[in-house]
């Protein structure tokens, strides 16, 4: 079976200024390129949406930011898994779906690199899936550490990809990921 493209939290709410400064403004274009290729190859496409528990946040289901970005809008028949925590495997039925249909390789894209993408990749690897994270099709925001220092989004992004690579996943770019379709 061809690898599944797993789009994580590609939602309008991440355009809200509440999150701060973001890296990789080209991530959505890369996601769109991968999504088009996956659909053309009739390979599995799976969507994950974050339904925040906090009404004041843009990703809460009552807010317009909960909607998928147009570049990642699911087509009829493409499964959508709604999650309330960082991992797409917790409380969603994702793992049982993957096992039921025989998907063993996940190609992960989306937002944010250091939160939901990383957590899902780590759990996927621990659950025995062959996980690929497409680094140039993910993005994150500046983060403040416990000491008050601000860490630039670019640095947070690179460090998180380095932490995943070789342990929980293989990190590659869009061009490499497209080759996985055969």
C-alpha atoms as a PDB file:
ATOM      1  CA  UNK A   1       0.000   0.000   0.000  1.00  0.00           C
ATOM      2  CA  UNK A   2       1.151   3.526  -0.742  1.00  0.00           C
ATOM      3  CA  UNK A   3       2.033   5.694   2.259  1.00  0.00           C
ATOM      4  CA  UNK A   4      -0.699   7.789   3.824  1.00  0.00           C
ATOM      5  CA  UNK A   5      -0.388  11.569   3.886  1.00  0.00           C
ATOM      6  CA  UNK A   6      -1.398  12.746   7.356  1.00  0.00           C
ATOM      7  CA  UNK A   7      -2.244  16.461   7.480  1.00  0.00           C
ATOM      8  CA  UNK A   8      -2.176  17.767  11.037  1.00  0.00           C
ATOM      9  CA  UNK A   9      -4.036  20.914  12.116  1.00  0.00           C
ATOM     10  CA  UNK A  10      -3.824  22.843   8.852  1.00  0.00           C
ATOM     11  CA  UNK A  11      -6.448  25.212  10.224  1.00  0.00           C
ATOM     12  CA  UNK A  12      -7.291  28.882   9.759  1.00  0.00           C
ATOM     13  CA  UNK A  13      -6.842  29.558  13.474  1.00  0.00           C
ATOM     14  CA  UNK A  14      -3.072  29.323  13.111  1.00  0.00           C
ATOM     15  CA  UNK A  15      -3.177  32.550  11.091  1.00  0.00           C
ATOM     16  CA  UNK A  16      -4.368  34.401  14.203  1.00  0.00           C
ATOM     17  CA  UNK A  17      -1.777  36.824  15.653  1.00  0.00           C
ATOM     18  CA  UNK A  18      -2.318  35.287  19.108  1.00  0.00           C
ATOM     19  CA  UNK A  19       0.361  32.682  18.289  1.00  0.00           C
ATOM     20  CA  UNK A  20       3.091  35.229  17.505  1.00  0.00           C
ATOM     21  CA  UNK A  21       5.810  35.082  14.869  1.00  0.00           C
ATOM     22  CA  UNK A  22       5.974  32.010  12.667  1.00  0.00           C
ATOM     23  CA  UNK A  23       8.670  30.400  10.540  1.00  0.00           C
ATOM     24  CA  UNK A  24       8.336  28.774   7.120  1.00  0.00           C
ATOM     25  CA  UNK A  25       5.654  30.823   5.355  1.00  0.00           C
ATOM     26  CA  UNK A  26       5.912  28.364   2.431  1.00  0.00           C
ATOM     27  CA  UNK A  27       4.664  25.390   4.477  1.00  0.00           C
ATOM     28  CA  UNK A  28       1.101  25.592   3.161  1.00  0.00           C
ATOM     29  CA  UNK A  29       2.293  25.714  -0.457  1.00  0.00           C
ATOM     30  CA  UNK A  30       4.371  22.570   0.156  1.00  0.00           C
ATOM     31  CA  UNK A  31       1.401  20.918   1.878  1.00  0.00           C
ATOM     32  CA  UNK A  32      -0.754  21.767  -1.140  1.00  0.00           C
ATOM     33  CA  UNK A  33       1.817  20.292  -3.524  1.00  0.00           C
ATOM     34  CA  UNK A  34       1.990  17.058  -1.521  1.00  0.00           C
ATOM     35  CA  UNK A  35      -1.777  16.837  -1.172  1.00  0.00           C
ATOM     36  CA  UNK A  36      -2.275  17.249  -4.925  1.00  0.00           C
ATOM     37  CA  UNK A  37       0.311  14.546  -5.656  1.00  0.00           C
ATOM     38  CA  UNK A  38      -1.218  12.141  -3.119  1.00  0.00           C
ATOM     39  CA  UNK A  39      -4.670  12.628  -4.578  1.00  0.00           C
ATOM     40  CA  UNK A  40      -3.419  12.184  -8.150  1.00  0.00           C
ATOM     41  CA  UNK A  41      -1.716   8.932  -7.087  1.00  0.00           C
ATOM     42  CA  UNK A  42      -4.919   7.765  -5.371  1.00  0.00           C
ATOM     43  CA  UNK A  43      -2.858   7.316  -2.198  1.00  0.00           C
ATOM     44  CA  UNK A  44      -4.503   7.579   1.231  1.00  0.00           C
ATOM     45  CA  UNK A  45      -5.052  11.088   2.610  1.00  0.00           C
ATOM     46  CA  UNK A  46      -6.005  11.606   6.250  1.00  0.00           C
ATOM     47  CA  UNK A  47      -6.830  14.880   8.012  1.00  0.00           C
ATOM     48  CA  UNK A  48      -6.510  15.793  11.677  1.00  0.00           C
ATOM     49  CA  UNK A  49      -8.263  18.808  13.169  1.00  0.00           C
ATOM     50  CA  UNK A  50      -7.527  20.252  16.603  1.00  0.00           C
ATOM     51  CA  UNK A  51     -10.725  21.024  18.512  1.00  0.00           C
ATOM     52  CA  UNK A  52      -9.500  23.192  21.370  1.00  0.00           C
ATOM     53  CA  UNK A  53     -11.225  22.827  24.729  1.00  0.00           C
ATOM     54  CA  UNK A  54     -10.767  26.547  25.372  1.00  0.00           C
ATOM     55  CA  UNK A  55     -13.486  28.816  23.905  1.00  0.00           C
ATOM     56  CA  UNK A  56     -11.146  31.829  23.806  1.00  0.00           C
ATOM     57  CA  UNK A  57      -8.707  30.108  21.431  1.00  0.00           C
ATOM     58  CA  UNK A  58      -9.055  30.282  17.627  1.00  0.00           C
ATOM     59  CA  UNK A  59      -9.063  26.470  17.282  1.00  0.00           C
ATOM     60  CA  UNK A  60     -12.180  25.983  19.430  1.00  0.00           C
ATOM     61  CA  UNK A  61     -14.984  24.342  17.369  1.00  0.00           C
ATOM     62  CA  UNK A  62     -17.268  27.382  17.878  1.00  0.00           C
ATOM     63  CA  UNK A  63     -14.718  29.711  16.261  1.00  0.00           C
ATOM     64  CA  UNK A  64     -14.060  30.277  12.533  1.00  0.00           C
ATOM     65  CA  UNK A  65     -10.389  29.401  13.081  1.00  0.00           C
ATOM     66  CA  UNK A  66     -11.348  25.771  13.648  1.00  0.00           C
ATOM     67  CA  UNK A  67     -11.980  25.384   9.895  1.00  0.00           C
ATOM     68  CA  UNK A  68      -9.392  23.847   7.610  1.00  0.00           C
ATOM     69  CA  UNK A  69      -7.362  26.194   5.428  1.00  0.00           C
ATOM     70  CA  UNK A  70      -8.514  26.051   1.785  1.00  0.00           C
ATOM     71  CA  UNK A  71      -5.230  24.381   0.719  1.00  0.00           C
ATOM     72  CA  UNK A  72      -6.007  21.438   3.014  1.00  0.00           C
ATOM     73  CA  UNK A  73      -9.773  21.141   2.751  1.00  0.00           C
ATOM     74  CA  UNK A  74     -10.754  17.460   2.944  1.00  0.00           C
ATOM     75  CA  UNK A  75     -12.507  15.894  -0.028  1.00  0.00           C
ATOM     76  CA  UNK A  76     -15.470  13.570   0.445  1.00  0.00           C
ATOM     77  CA  UNK A  77     -14.201  10.159   1.505  1.00  0.00           C
ATOM     78  CA  UNK A  78     -10.990  11.473   3.107  1.00  0.00           C
ATOM     79  CA  UNK A  79     -11.141  10.598   6.812  1.00  0.00           C
ATOM     80  CA  UNK A  80     -11.056  13.434   9.346  1.00  0.00           C
ATOM     81  CA  UNK A  81      -9.970  12.773  12.916  1.00  0.00           C
ATOM     82  CA  UNK A  82     -10.783  15.410  15.552  1.00  0.00           C
ATOM     83  CA  UNK A  83      -8.422  15.606  18.514  1.00  0.00           C
ATOM     84  CA  UNK A  84      -8.407  17.568  21.761  1.00  0.00           C
ATOM     85  CA  UNK A  85      -4.749  17.043  22.732  1.00  0.00           C
ATOM     86  CA  UNK A  86      -1.419  17.194  20.899  1.00  0.00           C
ATOM     87  CA  UNK A  87      -1.307  13.604  19.657  1.00  0.00           C
ATOM     88  CA  UNK A  88      -3.499  12.566  16.745  1.00  0.00           C
ATOM     89  CA  UNK A  89      -3.504   9.074  18.292  1.00  0.00           C
ATOM     90  CA  UNK A  90      -5.182  10.006  21.596  1.00  0.00           C
ATOM     91  CA  UNK A  91      -8.965   9.733  21.630  1.00  0.00           C
ATOM     92  CA  UNK A  92      -9.386   9.759  17.840  1.00  0.00           C
ATOM     93  CA  UNK A  93      -9.547   6.225  16.473  1.00  0.00           C
ATOM     94  CA  UNK A  94      -6.612   7.006  14.149  1.00  0.00           C
ATOM     95  CA  UNK A  95      -4.521   4.008  15.177  1.00  0.00           C
ATOM     96  CA  UNK A  96      -7.369   1.523  14.784  1.00  0.00           C
ATOM     97  CA  UNK A  97      -8.255   3.007  11.385  1.00  0.00           C
ATOM     98  CA  UNK A  98      -4.650   2.711  10.160  1.00  0.00           C
ATOM     99  CA  UNK A  99      -4.404  -0.892  11.312  1.00  0.00           C
ATOM    100  CA  UNK A 100      -7.818  -1.790   9.873  1.00  0.00           C
ATOM    101  CA  UNK A 101      -6.947  -0.525   6.383  1.00  0.00           C
ATOM    102  CA  UNK A 102      -3.342  -1.756   6.498  1.00  0.00           C
ATOM    103  CA  UNK A 103      -1.470   1.558   6.445  1.00  0.00           C
ATOM    104  CA  UNK A 104       2.054   1.163   7.795  1.00  0.00           C
ATOM    105  CA  UNK A 105       3.793   4.355   6.574  1.00  0.00           C
ATOM    106  CA  UNK A 106       2.708   7.861   7.550  1.00  0.00           C
ATOM    107  CA  UNK A 107       3.979  11.000   5.842  1.00  0.00           C
ATOM    108  CA  UNK A 108       3.238  13.828   8.272  1.00  0.00           C
ATOM    109  CA  UNK A 109       2.809  17.515   7.418  1.00  0.00           C
ATOM    110  CA  UNK A 110       1.135  20.407   9.228  1.00  0.00           C
ATOM    111  CA  UNK A 111       1.203  22.571  12.309  1.00  0.00           C
ATOM    112  CA  UNK A 112       3.009  22.934  14.603  1.00  0.00           C
ATOM    113  CA  UNK A 113       6.378  21.262  14.275  1.00  0.00           C
ATOM    114  CA  UNK A 114       7.136  21.154  17.990  1.00  0.00           C
ATOM    115  CA  UNK A 115       3.676  20.362  19.303  1.00  0.00           C
ATOM    116  CA  UNK A 116       1.146  18.276  17.385  1.00  0.00           C
ATOM    117  CA  UNK A 117       3.410  17.203  14.515  1.00  0.00           C
ATOM    118  CA  UNK A 118       6.181  16.100  16.880  1.00  0.00           C
ATOM    119  CA  UNK A 119       3.863  14.419  19.379  1.00  0.00           C
ATOM    120  CA  UNK A 120       2.052  12.505  16.644  1.00  0.00           C
ATOM    121  CA  UNK A 121       5.327  11.476  14.966  1.00  0.00           C
ATOM    122  CA  UNK A 122       6.773  10.266  18.257  1.00  0.00           C
ATOM    123  CA  UNK A 123       3.690   8.225  19.108  1.00  0.00           C
ATOM    124  CA  UNK A 124       3.451   6.877  15.569  1.00  0.00           C
ATOM    125  CA  UNK A 125       7.048   5.684  15.759  1.00  0.00           C
ATOM    126  CA  UNK A 126       6.470   4.148  19.179  1.00  0.00           C
ATOM    127  CA  UNK A 127       3.387   2.346  17.862  1.00  0.00           C
ATOM    128  CA  UNK A 128       5.481   0.761  15.112  1.00  0.00           C
ATOM    129  CA  UNK A 129       4.511   2.884  12.123  1.00  0.00           C
ATOM    130  CA  UNK A 130       7.132   3.940   9.575  1.00  0.00           C
ATOM    131  CA  UNK A 131       6.947   7.705  10.061  1.00  0.00           C
ATOM    132  CA  UNK A 132       8.210  10.410   7.737  1.00  0.00           C
ATOM    133  CA  UNK A 133       8.010  14.088   8.703  1.00  0.00           C
ATOM    134  CA  UNK A 134       8.232  16.536   5.814  1.00  0.00           C
ATOM    135  CA  UNK A 135      10.246  19.313   7.424  1.00  0.00           C
ATOM    136  CA  UNK A 136       9.574  22.010   4.830  1.00  0.00           C
ATOM    137  CA  UNK A 137       5.819  21.274   5.054  1.00  0.00           C
ATOM    138  CA  UNK A 138       5.651  22.027   8.783  1.00  0.00           C
ATOM    139  CA  UNK A 139       6.005  25.251  10.725  1.00  0.00           C
ATOM    140  CA  UNK A 140       5.966  26.625  14.251  1.00  0.00           C
ATOM    141  CA  UNK A 141       6.102  29.847  16.247  1.00  0.00           C
ATOM    142  CA  UNK A 142       8.575  31.613  18.508  1.00  0.00           C
ATOM    143  CA  UNK A 143       8.523  30.005  21.962  1.00  0.00           C
ATOM    144  CA  UNK A 144       9.260  31.420  25.380  1.00  0.00           C
ATOM    145  CA  UNK A 145      11.282  29.233  27.707  1.00  0.00           C
ATOM    146  CA  UNK A 146      10.803  28.886  31.455  1.00  0.00           C
ATOM    147  CA  UNK A 147      13.633  31.367  32.011  1.00  0.00           C
ATOM    148  CA  UNK A 148      11.829  34.028  29.938  1.00  0.00           C
ATOM    149  CA  UNK A 149      14.140  33.729  26.947  1.00  0.00           C
ATOM    150  CA  UNK A 150      12.481  33.765  23.538  1.00  0.00           C
ATOM    151  CA  UNK A 151      13.545  31.057  21.109  1.00  0.00           C
ATOM    152  CA  UNK A 152      13.079  31.923  17.427  1.00  0.00           C
ATOM    153  CA  UNK A 153      10.645  29.756  15.481  1.00  0.00           C
ATOM    154  CA  UNK A 154      13.380  28.783  13.019  1.00  0.00           C
ATOM    155  CA  UNK A 155      15.524  27.394  15.837  1.00  0.00           C
ATOM    156  CA  UNK A 156      12.598  25.617  17.514  1.00  0.00           C
ATOM    157  CA  UNK A 157      11.686  24.094  14.135  1.00  0.00           C
ATOM    158  CA  UNK A 158      15.213  22.847  13.356  1.00  0.00           C
ATOM    159  CA  UNK A 159      15.820  21.422  16.834  1.00  0.00           C
ATOM    160  CA  UNK A 160      12.523  19.565  16.860  1.00  0.00           C
ATOM    161  CA  UNK A 161      13.149  18.062  13.429  1.00  0.00           C
ATOM    162  CA  UNK A 162      16.635  17.011  14.576  1.00  0.00           C
ATOM    163  CA  UNK A 163      15.146  15.412  17.677  1.00  0.00           C
ATOM    164  CA  UNK A 164      12.697  13.375  15.582  1.00  0.00           C
ATOM    165  CA  UNK A 165      15.087  12.308  12.836  1.00  0.00           C
ATOM    166  CA  UNK A 166      16.555   8.849  13.182  1.00  0.00           C
ATOM    167  CA  UNK A 167      14.740   8.101  16.427  1.00  0.00           C
ATOM    168  CA  UNK A 168      11.002   8.446  15.803  1.00  0.00           C
ATOM    169  CA  UNK A 169      10.872   9.337  12.124  1.00  0.00           C
ATOM    170  CA  UNK A 170      12.820  10.124   9.009  1.00  0.00           C
ATOM    171  CA  UNK A 171      12.792  13.823   8.218  1.00  0.00           C
ATOM    172  CA  UNK A 172      12.861  14.771   4.559  1.00  0.00           C
ATOM    173  CA  UNK A 173      11.819  17.634   2.314  1.00  0.00           C
ATOM    174  CA  UNK A 174       8.886  17.797  -0.098  1.00  0.00           C
ATOM    175  CA  UNK A 175      10.903  16.644  -3.134  1.00  0.00           C
ATOM    176  CA  UNK A 176      12.096  13.540  -1.267  1.00  0.00           C
ATOM    177  CA  UNK A 177       8.612  12.806   0.090  1.00  0.00           C
ATOM    178  CA  UNK A 178       7.110  12.927  -3.402  1.00  0.00           C
ATOM    179  CA  UNK A 179       9.449  10.072  -4.401  1.00  0.00           C
ATOM    180  CA  UNK A 180       7.731   7.857  -1.823  1.00  0.00           C
ATOM    181  CA  UNK A 181       4.738   7.662  -4.152  1.00  0.00           C
ATOM    182  CA  UNK A 182       6.826   5.629  -6.610  1.00  0.00           C
END
